[in-house]
């Protein structure tokens, strides 16, 4: 599946039906300060895609849940300028975190290198995810 924010990126399924971009959805990189985010419950009908998106906000130390909508071409790549986001809620309590498909969040670096996201990194799509 292609990333809804950058069609040059392929999403990684880190848990069943939980997709994360290893480039623009896996935190800060040398290319810029990107957030941690993941999508789930992806549904595509007539070239319009919709998904539940959850991103981590380090300043708030909370997760933000929203619905993403975007238009895809015949290859499944996002059409530029079509991504729309609707805020749903903030996820901050232990119970809310336990009931939500959260992105993988790197909290430390090994020898200065960020860990890599891999397919099926997590056994469950729910709960706090720390690499």
C-alpha atoms as a PDB file:
ATOM      1  CA  UNK A   1       0.000   0.000   0.000  1.00  0.00           C
ATOM      2  CA  UNK A   2       1.257   3.467  -0.878  1.00  0.00           C
ATOM      3  CA  UNK A   3       1.611   6.224   1.715  1.00  0.00           C
ATOM      4  CA  UNK A   4      -1.294   8.710   1.583  1.00  0.00           C
ATOM      5  CA  UNK A   5       1.145  11.590   2.138  1.00  0.00           C
ATOM      6  CA  UNK A   6       3.895  10.613  -0.319  1.00  0.00           C
ATOM      7  CA  UNK A   7       3.317   8.142  -3.156  1.00  0.00           C
ATOM      8  CA  UNK A   8       7.035   7.364  -3.364  1.00  0.00           C
ATOM      9  CA  UNK A   9       6.765   5.650   0.030  1.00  0.00           C
ATOM     10  CA  UNK A  10       5.326   2.199   0.737  1.00  0.00           C
ATOM     11  CA  UNK A  11       3.558   1.606   4.036  1.00  0.00           C
ATOM     12  CA  UNK A  12       4.653  -1.204   6.354  1.00  0.00           C
ATOM     13  CA  UNK A  13       1.998  -3.327   8.065  1.00  0.00           C
ATOM     14  CA  UNK A  14       3.398  -3.322  11.614  1.00  0.00           C
ATOM     15  CA  UNK A  15       0.404  -5.252  13.008  1.00  0.00           C
ATOM     16  CA  UNK A  16      -2.738  -6.739  11.448  1.00  0.00           C
ATOM     17  CA  UNK A  17      -4.474  -3.853   9.626  1.00  0.00           C
ATOM     18  CA  UNK A  18      -2.108  -1.256  11.140  1.00  0.00           C
ATOM     19  CA  UNK A  19       0.009   0.569   8.546  1.00  0.00           C
ATOM     20  CA  UNK A  20       2.850   3.008   9.135  1.00  0.00           C
ATOM     21  CA  UNK A  21       5.169   4.866   6.773  1.00  0.00           C
ATOM     22  CA  UNK A  22       8.809   4.048   7.562  1.00  0.00           C
ATOM     23  CA  UNK A  23       9.886   7.381   6.076  1.00  0.00           C
ATOM     24  CA  UNK A  24       7.422  10.219   6.839  1.00  0.00           C
ATOM     25  CA  UNK A  25       5.459   8.442   9.587  1.00  0.00           C
ATOM     26  CA  UNK A  26       8.248   7.185  11.800  1.00  0.00           C
ATOM     27  CA  UNK A  27       9.482  10.300  13.542  1.00  0.00           C
ATOM     28  CA  UNK A  28      12.394  12.683  13.007  1.00  0.00           C
ATOM     29  CA  UNK A  29      14.934  11.945  10.268  1.00  0.00           C
ATOM     30  CA  UNK A  30      17.883  13.717   8.670  1.00  0.00           C
ATOM     31  CA  UNK A  31      15.423  15.057   6.067  1.00  0.00           C
ATOM     32  CA  UNK A  32      13.140  16.733   8.613  1.00  0.00           C
ATOM     33  CA  UNK A  33      11.068  16.472  11.767  1.00  0.00           C
ATOM     34  CA  UNK A  34       8.266  14.056  10.902  1.00  0.00           C
ATOM     35  CA  UNK A  35       5.637  12.843  13.391  1.00  0.00           C
ATOM     36  CA  UNK A  36       4.902   9.256  14.397  1.00  0.00           C
ATOM     37  CA  UNK A  37       1.642   8.235  12.721  1.00  0.00           C
ATOM     38  CA  UNK A  38      -0.178   5.121  11.528  1.00  0.00           C
ATOM     39  CA  UNK A  39      -3.432   4.313   9.758  1.00  0.00           C
ATOM     40  CA  UNK A  40      -5.879   1.464  10.164  1.00  0.00           C
ATOM     41  CA  UNK A  41      -9.325   0.424   8.938  1.00  0.00           C
ATOM     42  CA  UNK A  42      -8.368   1.484   5.405  1.00  0.00           C
ATOM     43  CA  UNK A  43     -11.284   1.408   2.980  1.00  0.00           C
ATOM     44  CA  UNK A  44     -11.155   2.340  -0.727  1.00  0.00           C
ATOM     45  CA  UNK A  45     -14.367   2.794  -2.721  1.00  0.00           C
ATOM     46  CA  UNK A  46     -14.405   4.258  -6.235  1.00  0.00           C
ATOM     47  CA  UNK A  47     -10.847   5.660  -5.871  1.00  0.00           C
ATOM     48  CA  UNK A  48     -11.670   7.427  -2.585  1.00  0.00           C
ATOM     49  CA  UNK A  49      -9.748   6.106   0.404  1.00  0.00           C
ATOM     50  CA  UNK A  50     -10.628   6.549   4.055  1.00  0.00           C
ATOM     51  CA  UNK A  51      -8.738   5.458   7.166  1.00  0.00           C
ATOM     52  CA  UNK A  52      -8.475   6.001  10.890  1.00  0.00           C
ATOM     53  CA  UNK A  53      -5.236   7.898  11.517  1.00  0.00           C
ATOM     54  CA  UNK A  54      -3.480   8.226  14.853  1.00  0.00           C
ATOM     55  CA  UNK A  55      -0.396  10.360  15.364  1.00  0.00           C
ATOM     56  CA  UNK A  56       1.744  11.030  18.391  1.00  0.00           C
ATOM     57  CA  UNK A  57       2.257  14.631  19.533  1.00  0.00           C
ATOM     58  CA  UNK A  58       5.418  14.845  21.631  1.00  0.00           C
ATOM     59  CA  UNK A  59       4.620  18.355  22.877  1.00  0.00           C
ATOM     60  CA  UNK A  60       1.279  17.205  24.289  1.00  0.00           C
ATOM     61  CA  UNK A  61       2.545  13.710  25.141  1.00  0.00           C
ATOM     62  CA  UNK A  62      -0.735  12.454  23.690  1.00  0.00           C
ATOM     63  CA  UNK A  63      -2.042  10.765  20.578  1.00  0.00           C
ATOM     64  CA  UNK A  64      -4.451  12.463  18.193  1.00  0.00           C
ATOM     65  CA  UNK A  65      -7.071  10.439  16.356  1.00  0.00           C
ATOM     66  CA  UNK A  66      -8.566  11.607  13.073  1.00  0.00           C
ATOM     67  CA  UNK A  67     -10.184  10.360   9.896  1.00  0.00           C
ATOM     68  CA  UNK A  68      -8.141  10.722   6.705  1.00  0.00           C
ATOM     69  CA  UNK A  69      -9.699  10.914   3.238  1.00  0.00           C
ATOM     70  CA  UNK A  70      -7.716  10.915  -0.011  1.00  0.00           C
ATOM     71  CA  UNK A  71      -8.194  10.120  -3.695  1.00  0.00           C
ATOM     72  CA  UNK A  72      -6.100   7.393  -5.352  1.00  0.00           C
ATOM     73  CA  UNK A  73      -5.313   6.683  -8.991  1.00  0.00           C
ATOM     74  CA  UNK A  74      -5.567   3.270 -10.672  1.00  0.00           C
ATOM     75  CA  UNK A  75      -2.229   2.217  -9.105  1.00  0.00           C
ATOM     76  CA  UNK A  76      -3.379   3.153  -5.601  1.00  0.00           C
ATOM     77  CA  UNK A  77      -1.197   6.266  -5.374  1.00  0.00           C
ATOM     78  CA  UNK A  78      -2.560   9.417  -3.751  1.00  0.00           C
ATOM     79  CA  UNK A  79      -3.544  12.263  -6.053  1.00  0.00           C
ATOM     80  CA  UNK A  80      -1.690  15.374  -4.814  1.00  0.00           C
ATOM     81  CA  UNK A  81      -3.782  17.865  -2.869  1.00  0.00           C
ATOM     82  CA  UNK A  82      -6.600  15.430  -2.072  1.00  0.00           C
ATOM     83  CA  UNK A  83      -5.743  14.500   1.528  1.00  0.00           C
ATOM     84  CA  UNK A  84      -8.263  15.780   4.074  1.00  0.00           C
ATOM     85  CA  UNK A  85      -8.222  15.222   7.836  1.00  0.00           C
ATOM     86  CA  UNK A  86     -11.052  15.419  10.366  1.00  0.00           C
ATOM     87  CA  UNK A  87     -10.106  15.507  14.054  1.00  0.00           C
ATOM     88  CA  UNK A  88     -11.879  12.885  16.173  1.00  0.00           C
ATOM     89  CA  UNK A  89     -10.325  12.930  19.649  1.00  0.00           C
ATOM     90  CA  UNK A  90      -7.234  13.051  21.832  1.00  0.00           C
ATOM     91  CA  UNK A  91      -5.953   9.770  23.253  1.00  0.00           C
ATOM     92  CA  UNK A  92      -4.085  10.231  26.506  1.00  0.00           C
ATOM     93  CA  UNK A  93      -5.300   7.863  29.225  1.00  0.00           C
ATOM     94  CA  UNK A  94      -3.993   4.338  29.676  1.00  0.00           C
ATOM     95  CA  UNK A  95      -7.416   2.899  28.823  1.00  0.00           C
ATOM     96  CA  UNK A  96      -7.744   4.991  25.657  1.00  0.00           C
ATOM     97  CA  UNK A  97      -4.256   3.939  24.575  1.00  0.00           C
ATOM     98  CA  UNK A  98      -5.086   0.293  25.217  1.00  0.00           C
ATOM     99  CA  UNK A  99      -8.156   0.498  22.986  1.00  0.00           C
ATOM    100  CA  UNK A 100      -6.483   2.282  20.056  1.00  0.00           C
ATOM    101  CA  UNK A 101      -4.288   1.143  17.132  1.00  0.00           C
ATOM    102  CA  UNK A 102      -1.227   3.264  17.936  1.00  0.00           C
ATOM    103  CA  UNK A 103       1.832   3.916  15.764  1.00  0.00           C
ATOM    104  CA  UNK A 104       5.227   2.515  16.626  1.00  0.00           C
ATOM    105  CA  UNK A 105       7.229   5.183  18.454  1.00  0.00           C
ATOM    106  CA  UNK A 106      11.012   5.074  18.752  1.00  0.00           C
ATOM    107  CA  UNK A 107      12.137   6.295  22.168  1.00  0.00           C
ATOM    108  CA  UNK A 108      15.860   5.622  21.797  1.00  0.00           C
ATOM    109  CA  UNK A 109      18.477   5.150  19.120  1.00  0.00           C
ATOM    110  CA  UNK A 110      20.965   2.286  18.939  1.00  0.00           C
ATOM    111  CA  UNK A 111      24.446   3.617  18.157  1.00  0.00           C
ATOM    112  CA  UNK A 112      22.901   6.760  16.690  1.00  0.00           C
ATOM    113  CA  UNK A 113      20.661   4.837  14.250  1.00  0.00           C
ATOM    114  CA  UNK A 114      16.877   4.786  14.430  1.00  0.00           C
ATOM    115  CA  UNK A 115      15.387   1.256  14.516  1.00  0.00           C
ATOM    116  CA  UNK A 116      13.654   0.128  11.310  1.00  0.00           C
ATOM    117  CA  UNK A 117       9.975  -0.632  10.927  1.00  0.00           C
ATOM    118  CA  UNK A 118       9.323  -4.142   9.673  1.00  0.00           C
ATOM    119  CA  UNK A 119       6.250  -6.046   8.528  1.00  0.00           C
ATOM    120  CA  UNK A 120       4.247  -7.450  11.446  1.00  0.00           C
ATOM    121  CA  UNK A 121       6.470  -5.844  14.097  1.00  0.00           C
ATOM    122  CA  UNK A 122       3.665  -6.136  16.684  1.00  0.00           C
ATOM    123  CA  UNK A 123       1.565  -9.143  17.694  1.00  0.00           C
ATOM    124  CA  UNK A 124      -1.452  -6.952  18.379  1.00  0.00           C
ATOM    125  CA  UNK A 125      -2.789  -3.809  16.755  1.00  0.00           C
ATOM    126  CA  UNK A 126      -3.670  -2.361  20.173  1.00  0.00           C
ATOM    127  CA  UNK A 127      -1.692  -0.847  22.990  1.00  0.00           C
ATOM    128  CA  UNK A 128       1.284   1.431  23.471  1.00  0.00           C
ATOM    129  CA  UNK A 129       4.048   0.591  21.007  1.00  0.00           C
ATOM    130  CA  UNK A 130       7.635   1.384  21.896  1.00  0.00           C
ATOM    131  CA  UNK A 131      10.645   0.315  19.880  1.00  0.00           C
END
